[in-house]
């Protein structure tokens, strides 16, 4: 029997115990460690390297999306499955941009969990059905071609920041790269949202792709 080493990153202790029990009940899975946030997980990786990490999104100190981006840049062979209660468009998009290989909801059964882990190890990209439907909707929206391109009156700086957002950069990373403060970046982003008539990063990037604003 093939043994797959995995890790769990989750800040809720009750959920950690529940998910850990699911993992321990599966003979082909070996839980190397659990961590309460992304920073702790990265520290644990200095000692033990799992094949798959089950990663929560909303955590203190370092969230799952930032942790995923850092881990994938340092350990590209590690597969990361986002395991969360959130199925909003922005979380899906940011997780994929950060390098996640799959996206599951936390109420998946042990059978669905092991199937997803085995699939991601074999190079697949497992997703819960509701997540898959949302992802397809995102792709369809991005593929739509406009009949005419409106003038959003974005400044050169706003276009620059929009491009960096599309690459999955955080406000802090954008600020560091452009030598401005995160507060200034946030203000620019607010202006971008207003001019594009959108409410979040995913909608902004969808609009940017649709109207070829990224150059």
N, C-alpha and C. Protein backbone atom coordinates (compact mmCIF):
# COMPACT_ATOMS: atom_id res chain seq x y z
N UNK A 1 0.83 -1.20 0.00
CA UNK A 1 0.00 0.00 0.00
C UNK A 1 0.87 1.26 0.00
N UNK A 2 0.54 2.17 -0.88
CA UNK A 2 1.29 3.42 -0.95
C UNK A 2 0.94 4.32 0.23
N UNK A 3 1.96 4.84 0.91
CA UNK A 3 1.76 5.73 2.05
C UNK A 3 2.05 7.17 1.61
N UNK A 4 1.09 8.06 1.84
CA UNK A 4 1.25 9.46 1.48
C UNK A 4 1.42 10.30 2.74
N UNK A 5 2.54 11.00 2.82
CA UNK A 5 2.77 11.88 3.96
C UNK A 5 2.08 13.22 3.73
N UNK A 6 1.31 13.65 4.72
CA UNK A 6 0.59 14.91 4.57
C UNK A 6 0.68 15.73 5.85
N UNK A 7 0.25 16.98 5.76
CA UNK A 7 0.25 17.89 6.90
C UNK A 7 -1.05 18.68 6.87
N UNK A 8 -1.42 19.22 8.03
CA UNK A 8 -2.67 19.97 8.16
C UNK A 8 -2.38 21.33 8.78
N UNK A 9 -2.84 22.40 8.14
CA UNK A 9 -2.66 23.75 8.65
C UNK A 9 -4.04 24.34 8.91
N UNK A 10 -4.38 24.51 10.18
CA UNK A 10 -5.73 24.91 10.58
C UNK A 10 -5.67 25.57 11.95
N UNK A 11 -6.27 26.74 12.10
CA UNK A 11 -6.18 27.45 13.38
C UNK A 11 -7.27 27.06 14.37
N UNK A 12 -8.34 26.45 13.91
CA UNK A 12 -9.42 26.03 14.80
C UNK A 12 -9.11 24.65 15.37
N UNK A 13 -8.94 24.58 16.69
CA UNK A 13 -8.51 23.33 17.32
C UNK A 13 -9.53 22.21 17.11
N UNK A 14 -10.82 22.52 17.22
CA UNK A 14 -11.84 21.49 17.04
C UNK A 14 -11.82 20.94 15.62
N UNK A 15 -11.68 21.83 14.65
CA UNK A 15 -11.61 21.38 13.26
C UNK A 15 -10.33 20.59 13.00
N UNK A 16 -9.24 21.02 13.63
CA UNK A 16 -7.97 20.29 13.49
C UNK A 16 -8.14 18.86 13.96
N UNK A 17 -8.77 18.70 15.11
CA UNK A 17 -8.97 17.35 15.65
C UNK A 17 -9.89 16.53 14.76
N UNK A 18 -10.96 17.16 14.25
CA UNK A 18 -11.92 16.44 13.41
C UNK A 18 -11.28 15.99 12.10
N UNK A 19 -10.53 16.90 11.47
CA UNK A 19 -9.90 16.56 10.19
C UNK A 19 -8.76 15.57 10.40
N UNK A 20 -8.03 15.73 11.51
CA UNK A 20 -6.94 14.79 11.82
C UNK A 20 -7.49 13.37 12.01
N UNK A 21 -8.65 13.26 12.63
CA UNK A 21 -9.27 11.94 12.81
C UNK A 21 -9.63 11.32 11.47
N UNK A 22 -10.10 12.15 10.54
CA UNK A 22 -10.39 11.64 9.20
C UNK A 22 -9.13 11.08 8.55
N UNK A 23 -8.04 11.84 8.68
CA UNK A 23 -6.78 11.43 8.07
C UNK A 23 -6.24 10.16 8.72
N UNK A 24 -6.28 10.12 10.06
CA UNK A 24 -5.74 8.97 10.78
C UNK A 24 -6.56 7.70 10.54
N UNK A 25 -7.81 7.88 10.12
CA UNK A 25 -8.66 6.72 9.85
C UNK A 25 -8.35 6.09 8.50
N UNK A 26 -7.54 6.76 7.70
CA UNK A 26 -7.19 6.27 6.36
C UNK A 26 -5.78 5.66 6.41
N UNK A 27 -5.68 4.37 6.18
CA UNK A 27 -4.42 3.65 6.34
C UNK A 27 -3.31 4.16 5.43
N UNK A 28 -3.67 4.68 4.28
CA UNK A 28 -2.65 5.10 3.32
C UNK A 28 -2.15 6.52 3.55
N UNK A 29 -2.65 7.20 4.59
CA UNK A 29 -2.21 8.55 4.89
C UNK A 29 -1.44 8.59 6.21
N UNK A 30 -0.37 9.37 6.21
CA UNK A 30 0.44 9.56 7.41
C UNK A 30 0.50 11.06 7.70
N UNK A 31 -0.07 11.48 8.83
CA UNK A 31 -0.09 12.90 9.19
C UNK A 31 1.23 13.26 9.87
N UNK A 32 2.09 13.99 9.17
CA UNK A 32 3.41 14.35 9.70
C UNK A 32 3.32 15.41 10.79
N UNK A 33 2.49 16.43 10.57
CA UNK A 33 2.36 17.49 11.57
C UNK A 33 1.11 18.31 11.33
N UNK A 34 0.70 19.04 12.36
CA UNK A 34 -0.35 20.04 12.23
C UNK A 34 0.24 21.39 12.62
N UNK A 35 -0.31 22.46 12.06
CA UNK A 35 0.16 23.81 12.38
C UNK A 35 -1.04 24.73 12.48
N UNK A 36 -0.91 25.79 13.27
CA UNK A 36 -2.04 26.69 13.54
C UNK A 36 -2.10 27.87 12.56
N UNK A 37 -1.06 28.08 11.77
CA UNK A 37 -1.07 29.16 10.79
C UNK A 37 0.04 28.91 9.77
N UNK A 38 0.07 29.76 8.75
CA UNK A 38 1.04 29.57 7.67
C UNK A 38 2.48 29.67 8.12
N UNK A 39 2.75 30.62 9.01
CA UNK A 39 4.12 30.81 9.48
C UNK A 39 4.62 29.58 10.24
N UNK A 40 3.76 29.02 11.07
CA UNK A 40 4.14 27.82 11.83
C UNK A 40 4.36 26.64 10.89
N UNK A 41 3.53 26.55 9.85
CA UNK A 41 3.68 25.47 8.88
C UNK A 41 5.02 25.56 8.16
N UNK A 42 5.39 26.77 7.75
CA UNK A 42 6.67 26.97 7.06
C UNK A 42 7.83 26.58 7.97
N UNK A 43 7.71 26.88 9.25
CA UNK A 43 8.75 26.51 10.21
C UNK A 43 8.84 24.98 10.34
N UNK A 44 7.68 24.32 10.35
CA UNK A 44 7.66 22.85 10.45
C UNK A 44 8.31 22.19 9.24
N UNK A 45 8.22 22.84 8.08
CA UNK A 45 8.78 22.26 6.86
C UNK A 45 10.29 22.19 6.88
N UNK A 46 10.92 22.91 7.80
CA UNK A 46 12.37 22.84 7.92
C UNK A 46 12.81 21.48 8.45
N UNK A 47 11.87 20.78 9.11
CA UNK A 47 12.19 19.48 9.71
C UNK A 47 11.59 18.31 8.92
N UNK A 48 10.36 18.51 8.41
CA UNK A 48 9.66 17.41 7.74
C UNK A 48 8.94 17.93 6.51
N UNK A 49 9.07 17.20 5.40
CA UNK A 49 8.46 17.61 4.15
C UNK A 49 7.36 16.63 3.73
N UNK A 50 6.11 17.04 3.81
CA UNK A 50 5.01 16.19 3.36
C UNK A 50 4.86 16.26 1.85
N UNK A 51 4.14 15.33 1.29
CA UNK A 51 3.83 15.39 -0.14
C UNK A 51 2.66 16.33 -0.40
N UNK A 52 1.73 16.35 0.57
CA UNK A 52 0.51 17.15 0.43
C UNK A 52 0.26 17.93 1.72
N UNK A 53 -0.12 19.20 1.57
CA UNK A 53 -0.53 20.01 2.72
C UNK A 53 -1.99 20.40 2.54
N UNK A 54 -2.79 20.11 3.57
CA UNK A 54 -4.18 20.57 3.61
C UNK A 54 -4.16 21.93 4.29
N UNK A 55 -4.55 22.97 3.56
CA UNK A 55 -4.33 24.34 4.01
C UNK A 55 -5.64 25.11 4.19
N UNK A 56 -5.84 25.63 5.40
CA UNK A 56 -6.96 26.54 5.64
C UNK A 56 -6.62 27.89 5.02
N UNK A 57 -7.61 28.75 4.81
CA UNK A 57 -7.35 30.08 4.26
C UNK A 57 -7.29 31.14 5.35
N UNK A 58 -8.35 31.26 6.12
CA UNK A 58 -8.48 32.36 7.08
C UNK A 58 -7.82 32.02 8.41
N UNK A 59 -6.55 32.45 8.57
CA UNK A 59 -5.80 32.16 9.79
C UNK A 59 -5.05 33.42 10.24
N UNK A 60 -4.75 33.51 11.54
CA UNK A 60 -3.98 34.66 12.04
C UNK A 60 -2.50 34.55 11.67
N UNK A 61 -1.78 35.64 11.82
CA UNK A 61 -0.33 35.74 11.59
C UNK A 61 0.02 35.62 10.11
N UNK A 62 -0.30 34.48 9.51
CA UNK A 62 -0.11 34.31 8.06
C UNK A 62 -1.24 33.44 7.52
N UNK A 63 -2.02 33.98 6.58
CA UNK A 63 -3.15 33.21 6.07
C UNK A 63 -2.68 32.15 5.07
N UNK A 64 -3.63 31.32 4.65
CA UNK A 64 -3.29 30.18 3.80
C UNK A 64 -2.85 30.56 2.41
N UNK A 65 -3.37 31.66 1.88
CA UNK A 65 -2.99 32.07 0.52
C UNK A 65 -1.54 32.55 0.48
N UNK A 66 -1.16 33.38 1.45
CA UNK A 66 0.24 33.84 1.50
C UNK A 66 1.18 32.67 1.76
N UNK A 67 0.76 31.77 2.67
CA UNK A 67 1.60 30.60 2.98
C UNK A 67 1.76 29.71 1.76
N UNK A 68 0.69 29.54 1.00
CA UNK A 68 0.75 28.73 -0.21
C UNK A 68 1.76 29.30 -1.21
N UNK A 69 1.71 30.61 -1.38
CA UNK A 69 2.63 31.27 -2.32
C UNK A 69 4.08 31.07 -1.89
N UNK A 70 4.36 31.21 -0.60
CA UNK A 70 5.73 31.07 -0.09
C UNK A 70 6.20 29.62 -0.19
N UNK A 71 5.33 28.70 0.21
CA UNK A 71 5.70 27.28 0.20
C UNK A 71 5.96 26.80 -1.23
N UNK A 72 5.11 27.19 -2.17
CA UNK A 72 5.28 26.74 -3.55
C UNK A 72 6.55 27.32 -4.18
N UNK A 73 6.95 28.51 -3.74
CA UNK A 73 8.17 29.09 -4.29
C UNK A 73 9.42 28.42 -3.71
N UNK A 74 9.30 27.90 -2.49
CA UNK A 74 10.44 27.26 -1.82
C UNK A 74 10.46 25.75 -2.03
N UNK A 75 9.27 25.15 -1.99
CA UNK A 75 9.14 23.69 -2.14
C UNK A 75 8.13 23.40 -3.26
N UNK A 76 8.50 23.59 -4.51
CA UNK A 76 7.55 23.47 -5.62
C UNK A 76 6.92 22.09 -5.77
N UNK A 77 7.56 21.06 -5.24
CA UNK A 77 7.03 19.71 -5.40
C UNK A 77 5.91 19.40 -4.41
N UNK A 78 5.78 20.18 -3.35
CA UNK A 78 4.71 19.95 -2.38
C UNK A 78 3.38 20.37 -2.98
N UNK A 79 2.40 19.49 -2.90
CA UNK A 79 1.06 19.80 -3.38
C UNK A 79 0.24 20.42 -2.25
N UNK A 80 -0.50 21.46 -2.56
CA UNK A 80 -1.30 22.12 -1.53
C UNK A 80 -2.78 22.06 -1.91
N UNK A 81 -3.56 21.49 -1.01
CA UNK A 81 -5.01 21.43 -1.15
C UNK A 81 -5.63 22.43 -0.20
N UNK A 82 -6.31 23.41 -0.73
CA UNK A 82 -7.02 24.35 0.13
C UNK A 82 -8.23 23.62 0.72
N UNK A 83 -8.34 23.62 2.03
CA UNK A 83 -9.43 22.94 2.72
C UNK A 83 -10.12 23.98 3.60
N UNK A 84 -11.30 24.42 3.19
CA UNK A 84 -11.88 25.58 3.84
C UNK A 84 -13.40 25.57 3.81
N UNK A 85 -13.99 26.43 4.62
CA UNK A 85 -15.45 26.60 4.58
C UNK A 85 -15.83 27.68 3.59
N UNK A 86 -14.83 28.42 3.08
CA UNK A 86 -15.10 29.52 2.16
C UNK A 86 -15.14 29.03 0.72
N UNK A 87 -16.18 29.45 -0.02
CA UNK A 87 -16.24 29.10 -1.44
C UNK A 87 -16.50 30.35 -2.28
N UNK A 88 -16.04 31.52 -1.77
CA UNK A 88 -16.25 32.75 -2.51
C UNK A 88 -15.27 32.86 -3.66
N UNK A 89 -15.66 33.62 -4.68
CA UNK A 89 -14.86 33.71 -5.91
C UNK A 89 -13.45 34.21 -5.65
N UNK A 90 -13.32 35.22 -4.78
CA UNK A 90 -12.00 35.82 -4.56
C UNK A 90 -11.04 34.82 -3.95
N UNK A 91 -11.52 34.02 -2.97
CA UNK A 91 -10.65 33.02 -2.34
C UNK A 91 -10.21 31.97 -3.35
N UNK A 92 -11.14 31.55 -4.21
CA UNK A 92 -10.80 30.56 -5.23
C UNK A 92 -9.71 31.09 -6.15
N UNK A 93 -9.92 32.30 -6.66
CA UNK A 93 -8.97 32.88 -7.61
C UNK A 93 -7.60 33.07 -6.96
N UNK A 94 -7.57 33.65 -5.77
CA UNK A 94 -6.29 33.93 -5.11
C UNK A 94 -5.55 32.63 -4.78
N UNK A 95 -6.28 31.59 -4.40
CA UNK A 95 -5.66 30.30 -4.09
C UNK A 95 -4.99 29.70 -5.32
N UNK A 96 -5.69 29.79 -6.44
CA UNK A 96 -5.15 29.24 -7.68
C UNK A 96 -3.92 30.03 -8.11
N UNK A 97 -4.01 31.36 -8.04
CA UNK A 97 -2.87 32.20 -8.40
C UNK A 97 -1.66 31.91 -7.51
N UNK A 98 -1.92 31.65 -6.22
CA UNK A 98 -0.84 31.40 -5.26
C UNK A 98 -0.16 30.05 -5.51
N UNK A 99 -0.84 29.14 -6.20
CA UNK A 99 -0.22 27.86 -6.53
C UNK A 99 -0.91 26.63 -5.97
N UNK A 100 -2.10 26.80 -5.41
CA UNK A 100 -2.82 25.64 -4.87
C UNK A 100 -3.18 24.68 -6.00
N UNK A 101 -3.14 23.39 -5.68
CA UNK A 101 -3.43 22.37 -6.68
C UNK A 101 -4.87 21.88 -6.63
N UNK A 102 -5.60 22.28 -5.60
CA UNK A 102 -6.98 21.85 -5.46
C UNK A 102 -7.67 22.65 -4.38
N UNK A 103 -8.99 22.51 -4.32
CA UNK A 103 -9.77 23.35 -3.42
C UNK A 103 -10.97 22.55 -2.94
N UNK A 104 -10.97 22.19 -1.66
CA UNK A 104 -12.04 21.37 -1.10
C UNK A 104 -12.72 22.06 0.07
N UNK A 105 -13.99 21.74 0.28
CA UNK A 105 -14.69 22.23 1.45
C UNK A 105 -14.44 21.28 2.62
N UNK A 106 -14.50 21.83 3.84
CA UNK A 106 -14.12 21.05 5.02
C UNK A 106 -15.08 19.93 5.39
N UNK A 107 -16.27 19.94 4.80
CA UNK A 107 -17.23 18.90 5.16
C UNK A 107 -17.14 17.68 4.25
N UNK A 108 -16.06 17.58 3.47
CA UNK A 108 -15.89 16.41 2.62
C UNK A 108 -15.76 15.15 3.47
N UNK A 109 -16.26 14.03 2.96
CA UNK A 109 -16.16 12.75 3.67
C UNK A 109 -14.73 12.23 3.60
N UNK A 110 -14.37 11.29 4.49
CA UNK A 110 -13.02 10.70 4.42
C UNK A 110 -12.72 10.10 3.05
N UNK A 111 -13.73 9.47 2.44
CA UNK A 111 -13.53 8.88 1.12
C UNK A 111 -13.21 9.92 0.07
N UNK A 112 -13.94 11.04 0.11
CA UNK A 112 -13.69 12.12 -0.84
C UNK A 112 -12.33 12.76 -0.59
N UNK A 113 -11.95 12.83 0.70
CA UNK A 113 -10.67 13.42 1.07
C UNK A 113 -9.50 12.60 0.54
N UNK A 114 -9.54 11.29 0.74
CA UNK A 114 -8.43 10.44 0.26
C UNK A 114 -8.39 10.44 -1.26
N UNK A 115 -9.54 10.45 -1.91
CA UNK A 115 -9.56 10.50 -3.38
C UNK A 115 -8.90 11.79 -3.88
N UNK A 116 -9.19 12.90 -3.20
CA UNK A 116 -8.62 14.18 -3.60
C UNK A 116 -7.12 14.20 -3.38
N UNK A 117 -6.66 13.67 -2.25
CA UNK A 117 -5.23 13.64 -1.95
C UNK A 117 -4.49 12.77 -2.97
N UNK A 118 -5.04 11.60 -3.27
CA UNK A 118 -4.40 10.72 -4.25
C UNK A 118 -4.39 11.37 -5.63
N UNK A 119 -5.47 12.06 -5.96
CA UNK A 119 -5.55 12.72 -7.26
C UNK A 119 -4.51 13.83 -7.39
N UNK A 120 -4.36 14.63 -6.32
CA UNK A 120 -3.42 15.75 -6.40
C UNK A 120 -1.98 15.24 -6.44
N UNK A 121 -1.69 14.14 -5.74
CA UNK A 121 -0.35 13.55 -5.78
C UNK A 121 -0.03 13.04 -7.19
N UNK A 122 -1.06 12.57 -7.89
CA UNK A 122 -0.88 12.06 -9.25
C UNK A 122 -0.91 13.16 -10.30
N UNK A 123 -0.95 14.41 -9.85
CA UNK A 123 -0.90 15.52 -10.79
C UNK A 123 -2.23 16.14 -11.14
N UNK A 124 -3.31 15.70 -10.48
CA UNK A 124 -4.63 16.24 -10.76
C UNK A 124 -4.90 17.52 -10.00
N UNK A 125 -6.09 18.06 -10.21
CA UNK A 125 -6.50 19.30 -9.54
C UNK A 125 -7.92 19.12 -8.99
N UNK A 126 -8.06 18.36 -7.90
CA UNK A 126 -9.40 18.07 -7.36
C UNK A 126 -10.09 19.30 -6.80
N UNK A 127 -11.39 19.35 -7.01
CA UNK A 127 -12.21 20.43 -6.47
C UNK A 127 -13.57 19.89 -6.07
N UNK A 128 -14.13 20.43 -5.00
CA UNK A 128 -15.50 20.11 -4.64
C UNK A 128 -16.41 20.55 -5.79
N UNK A 129 -17.54 19.88 -6.02
CA UNK A 129 -18.42 20.24 -7.14
C UNK A 129 -18.82 21.71 -7.16
N UNK A 130 -19.15 22.27 -6.00
CA UNK A 130 -19.56 23.68 -5.98
C UNK A 130 -18.39 24.58 -6.37
N UNK A 131 -17.17 24.21 -5.95
CA UNK A 131 -15.98 24.98 -6.30
C UNK A 131 -15.72 24.88 -7.80
N UNK A 132 -15.86 23.68 -8.34
CA UNK A 132 -15.63 23.48 -9.77
C UNK A 132 -16.58 24.33 -10.60
N UNK A 133 -17.84 24.38 -10.18
CA UNK A 133 -18.82 25.18 -10.90
C UNK A 133 -18.45 26.66 -10.88
N UNK A 134 -18.01 27.15 -9.70
CA UNK A 134 -17.62 28.56 -9.60
C UNK A 134 -16.39 28.84 -10.48
N UNK A 135 -15.44 27.90 -10.49
CA UNK A 135 -14.24 28.09 -11.29
C UNK A 135 -14.58 28.15 -12.78
N UNK A 136 -15.48 27.28 -13.22
CA UNK A 136 -15.91 27.31 -14.61
C UNK A 136 -16.58 28.64 -14.95
N UNK A 137 -17.35 29.15 -14.01
CA UNK A 137 -18.00 30.44 -14.23
C UNK A 137 -16.97 31.55 -14.38
N UNK A 138 -15.91 31.49 -13.57
CA UNK A 138 -14.84 32.48 -13.67
C UNK A 138 -14.17 32.42 -15.03
N UNK A 139 -13.89 31.20 -15.49
CA UNK A 139 -13.23 31.02 -16.77
C UNK A 139 -14.11 31.52 -17.91
N UNK A 140 -15.40 31.20 -17.84
CA UNK A 140 -16.32 31.65 -18.89
C UNK A 140 -16.38 33.17 -18.94
N UNK A 141 -16.44 33.79 -17.75
CA UNK A 141 -16.51 35.25 -17.70
C UNK A 141 -15.25 35.88 -18.29
N UNK A 142 -14.10 35.29 -17.97
CA UNK A 142 -12.84 35.83 -18.48
C UNK A 142 -12.73 35.66 -19.99
N UNK A 143 -13.40 34.64 -20.53
CA UNK A 143 -13.30 34.36 -21.96
C UNK A 143 -14.23 35.24 -22.80
N UNK A 144 -15.15 35.91 -22.15
CA UNK A 144 -16.07 36.76 -22.89
C UNK A 144 -15.33 37.93 -23.53
N UNK A 145 -15.66 38.25 -24.76
CA UNK A 145 -15.02 39.34 -25.48
C UNK A 145 -15.97 40.54 -25.55
N UNK A 146 -15.51 41.70 -25.22
CA UNK A 146 -16.37 42.88 -25.26
C UNK A 146 -16.58 43.37 -26.69
N UNK A 147 -17.73 43.99 -26.92
CA UNK A 147 -18.00 44.57 -28.24
C UNK A 147 -17.28 45.90 -28.39
N UNK A 148 -17.09 46.62 -27.30
CA UNK A 148 -16.33 47.85 -27.33
C UNK A 148 -15.64 48.05 -25.99
N UNK A 149 -14.52 48.73 -26.01
CA UNK A 149 -13.74 48.92 -24.79
C UNK A 149 -14.04 50.29 -24.19
N UNK A 150 -14.64 50.32 -23.01
CA UNK A 150 -14.94 51.60 -22.38
C UNK A 150 -13.67 52.28 -21.87
N UNK A 151 -13.73 53.56 -21.69
CA UNK A 151 -12.61 54.31 -21.15
C UNK A 151 -12.78 54.41 -19.64
N UNK A 152 -12.01 53.59 -18.92
CA UNK A 152 -12.13 53.57 -17.46
C UNK A 152 -11.33 54.70 -16.80
N UNK A 153 -10.52 55.38 -17.60
CA UNK A 153 -9.73 56.51 -17.12
C UNK A 153 -8.79 56.12 -15.97
N UNK A 154 -8.21 54.92 -16.08
CA UNK A 154 -7.23 54.49 -15.09
C UNK A 154 -5.90 55.21 -15.35
N UNK A 155 -5.26 55.64 -14.28
CA UNK A 155 -3.96 56.28 -14.42
C UNK A 155 -2.88 55.23 -14.67
N UNK A 156 -1.71 55.68 -15.05
CA UNK A 156 -0.59 54.77 -15.28
C UNK A 156 -0.27 53.98 -14.02
N UNK A 157 -0.30 54.64 -12.87
CA UNK A 157 -0.02 53.98 -11.59
C UNK A 157 -1.10 52.95 -11.27
N UNK A 158 -2.35 53.28 -11.53
CA UNK A 158 -3.45 52.36 -11.25
C UNK A 158 -3.36 51.12 -12.14
N UNK A 159 -2.97 51.32 -13.41
CA UNK A 159 -2.79 50.18 -14.31
C UNK A 159 -1.64 49.30 -13.84
N UNK A 160 -0.60 49.93 -13.32
CA UNK A 160 0.56 49.20 -12.80
C UNK A 160 0.15 48.35 -11.61
N UNK A 161 -0.62 48.93 -10.70
CA UNK A 161 -1.06 48.21 -9.51
C UNK A 161 -2.05 47.11 -9.89
N UNK A 162 -2.92 47.39 -10.85
CA UNK A 162 -3.87 46.36 -11.32
C UNK A 162 -3.12 45.17 -11.88
N UNK A 163 -2.05 45.43 -12.62
CA UNK A 163 -1.24 44.35 -13.18
C UNK A 163 -0.60 43.51 -12.08
N UNK A 164 -0.10 44.16 -11.03
CA UNK A 164 0.53 43.45 -9.92
C UNK A 164 -0.49 42.64 -9.13
N UNK A 165 -1.70 43.19 -8.99
CA UNK A 165 -2.78 42.45 -8.32
C UNK A 165 -3.08 41.16 -9.09
N UNK A 166 -3.06 41.25 -10.41
CA UNK A 166 -3.36 40.08 -11.24
C UNK A 166 -2.32 38.98 -11.08
N UNK A 167 -1.13 39.36 -10.61
CA UNK A 167 -0.06 38.38 -10.37
C UNK A 167 -0.13 37.79 -8.97
N UNK A 168 -1.16 38.19 -8.21
CA UNK A 168 -1.34 37.66 -6.86
C UNK A 168 -0.53 38.36 -5.80
N UNK A 169 0.01 39.53 -6.10
CA UNK A 169 0.82 40.27 -5.14
C UNK A 169 -0.05 40.84 -4.02
N UNK A 170 0.44 40.78 -2.79
CA UNK A 170 -0.25 41.39 -1.66
C UNK A 170 0.00 42.89 -1.66
N UNK A 171 -0.81 43.63 -0.88
CA UNK A 171 -0.62 45.08 -0.80
C UNK A 171 0.80 45.41 -0.35
N UNK A 172 1.31 44.66 0.62
CA UNK A 172 2.65 44.94 1.14
C UNK A 172 3.71 44.73 0.06
N UNK A 173 3.58 43.64 -0.71
CA UNK A 173 4.56 43.37 -1.76
C UNK A 173 4.50 44.43 -2.86
N UNK A 174 3.28 44.87 -3.17
CA UNK A 174 3.13 45.93 -4.17
C UNK A 174 3.78 47.21 -3.66
N UNK A 175 3.53 47.51 -2.39
CA UNK A 175 4.10 48.72 -1.78
C UNK A 175 5.62 48.68 -1.81
N UNK A 176 6.20 47.53 -1.46
CA UNK A 176 7.65 47.39 -1.45
C UNK A 176 8.22 47.54 -2.86
N UNK A 177 7.54 46.97 -3.84
CA UNK A 177 8.03 47.01 -5.22
C UNK A 177 7.95 48.42 -5.80
N UNK A 178 6.92 49.16 -5.44
CA UNK A 178 6.71 50.49 -6.02
C UNK A 178 7.23 51.61 -5.11
N UNK A 179 7.79 51.22 -3.96
CA UNK A 179 8.35 52.19 -3.01
C UNK A 179 7.29 53.20 -2.52
N UNK A 180 6.11 52.66 -2.21
CA UNK A 180 5.05 53.46 -1.62
C UNK A 180 4.52 52.71 -0.41
N UNK A 181 3.64 53.31 0.35
CA UNK A 181 3.12 52.67 1.56
C UNK A 181 1.94 51.75 1.22
N UNK A 182 1.71 50.71 2.04
CA UNK A 182 0.53 49.85 1.83
C UNK A 182 -0.76 50.66 1.87
N UNK A 183 -0.79 51.72 2.68
CA UNK A 183 -1.98 52.57 2.76
C UNK A 183 -2.24 53.25 1.41
N UNK A 184 -1.18 53.68 0.75
CA UNK A 184 -1.32 54.30 -0.57
C UNK A 184 -1.79 53.28 -1.59
N UNK A 185 -1.26 52.05 -1.50
CA UNK A 185 -1.70 50.98 -2.41
C UNK A 185 -3.19 50.73 -2.23
N UNK A 186 -3.61 50.66 -0.97
CA UNK A 186 -5.03 50.42 -0.68
C UNK A 186 -5.90 51.50 -1.30
N UNK A 187 -5.46 52.76 -1.20
CA UNK A 187 -6.23 53.86 -1.77
C UNK A 187 -6.31 53.75 -3.29
N UNK A 188 -5.20 53.39 -3.92
CA UNK A 188 -5.21 53.18 -5.37
C UNK A 188 -6.18 52.06 -5.75
N UNK A 189 -6.17 50.98 -4.97
CA UNK A 189 -7.05 49.85 -5.26
C UNK A 189 -8.51 50.27 -5.14
N UNK A 190 -8.81 51.07 -4.13
CA UNK A 190 -10.18 51.58 -3.98
C UNK A 190 -10.59 52.39 -5.21
N UNK A 191 -9.67 53.21 -5.71
CA UNK A 191 -9.95 54.00 -6.91
C UNK A 191 -10.17 53.10 -8.13
N UNK A 192 -9.35 52.04 -8.22
CA UNK A 192 -9.49 51.09 -9.32
C UNK A 192 -10.86 50.43 -9.29
N UNK A 193 -11.28 49.98 -8.09
CA UNK A 193 -12.59 49.34 -7.96
C UNK A 193 -13.70 50.30 -8.39
N UNK A 194 -13.60 51.54 -7.96
CA UNK A 194 -14.63 52.53 -8.30
C UNK A 194 -14.70 52.77 -9.81
N UNK A 195 -13.53 52.89 -10.44
CA UNK A 195 -13.50 53.18 -11.87
C UNK A 195 -13.95 51.99 -12.72
N UNK A 196 -13.67 50.78 -12.23
CA UNK A 196 -14.06 49.58 -12.97
C UNK A 196 -15.47 49.12 -12.61
N UNK A 197 -16.04 49.74 -11.56
CA UNK A 197 -17.37 49.36 -11.07
C UNK A 197 -17.39 47.90 -10.59
N UNK A 198 -16.38 47.56 -9.78
CA UNK A 198 -16.28 46.21 -9.22
C UNK A 198 -16.16 46.31 -7.70
N UNK A 199 -16.20 45.15 -7.03
CA UNK A 199 -16.21 45.14 -5.58
C UNK A 199 -15.06 44.35 -4.95
N UNK A 200 -14.31 43.60 -5.73
CA UNK A 200 -13.22 42.81 -5.16
C UNK A 200 -12.16 42.52 -6.22
N UNK A 201 -11.10 41.84 -5.80
CA UNK A 201 -9.96 41.57 -6.68
C UNK A 201 -10.34 40.72 -7.88
N UNK A 202 -11.14 39.67 -7.62
CA UNK A 202 -11.51 38.77 -8.72
C UNK A 202 -12.26 39.53 -9.81
N UNK A 203 -13.24 40.35 -9.40
CA UNK A 203 -14.01 41.12 -10.38
C UNK A 203 -13.10 42.11 -11.13
N UNK A 204 -12.16 42.70 -10.40
CA UNK A 204 -11.23 43.66 -11.03
C UNK A 204 -10.38 42.96 -12.09
N UNK A 205 -9.87 41.77 -11.75
CA UNK A 205 -9.01 41.04 -12.68
C UNK A 205 -9.82 40.52 -13.86
N UNK A 206 -11.05 40.06 -13.59
CA UNK A 206 -11.92 39.61 -14.68
C UNK A 206 -12.15 40.75 -15.67
N UNK A 207 -12.44 41.93 -15.15
CA UNK A 207 -12.68 43.09 -16.01
C UNK A 207 -11.41 43.47 -16.77
N UNK A 208 -10.27 43.40 -16.08
CA UNK A 208 -9.00 43.73 -16.72
C UNK A 208 -8.69 42.79 -17.87
N UNK A 209 -8.96 41.50 -17.66
CA UNK A 209 -8.72 40.51 -18.71
C UNK A 209 -9.72 40.72 -19.87
N UNK A 210 -10.98 40.93 -19.50
CA UNK A 210 -12.03 41.10 -20.50
C UNK A 210 -11.74 42.28 -21.44
N UNK A 211 -11.23 43.37 -20.87
CA UNK A 211 -10.99 44.57 -21.67
C UNK A 211 -9.51 44.80 -21.99
N UNK A 212 -8.70 43.74 -21.76
CA UNK A 212 -7.28 43.79 -22.14
C UNK A 212 -6.56 44.99 -21.51
N UNK A 213 -6.75 45.16 -20.21
CA UNK A 213 -6.15 46.28 -19.50
C UNK A 213 -4.77 45.97 -18.93
N UNK A 214 -4.37 44.71 -19.03
CA UNK A 214 -3.10 44.29 -18.41
C UNK A 214 -1.93 44.39 -19.38
N UNK A 215 -2.17 44.80 -20.60
CA UNK A 215 -1.11 44.98 -21.57
C UNK A 215 -0.70 43.71 -22.28
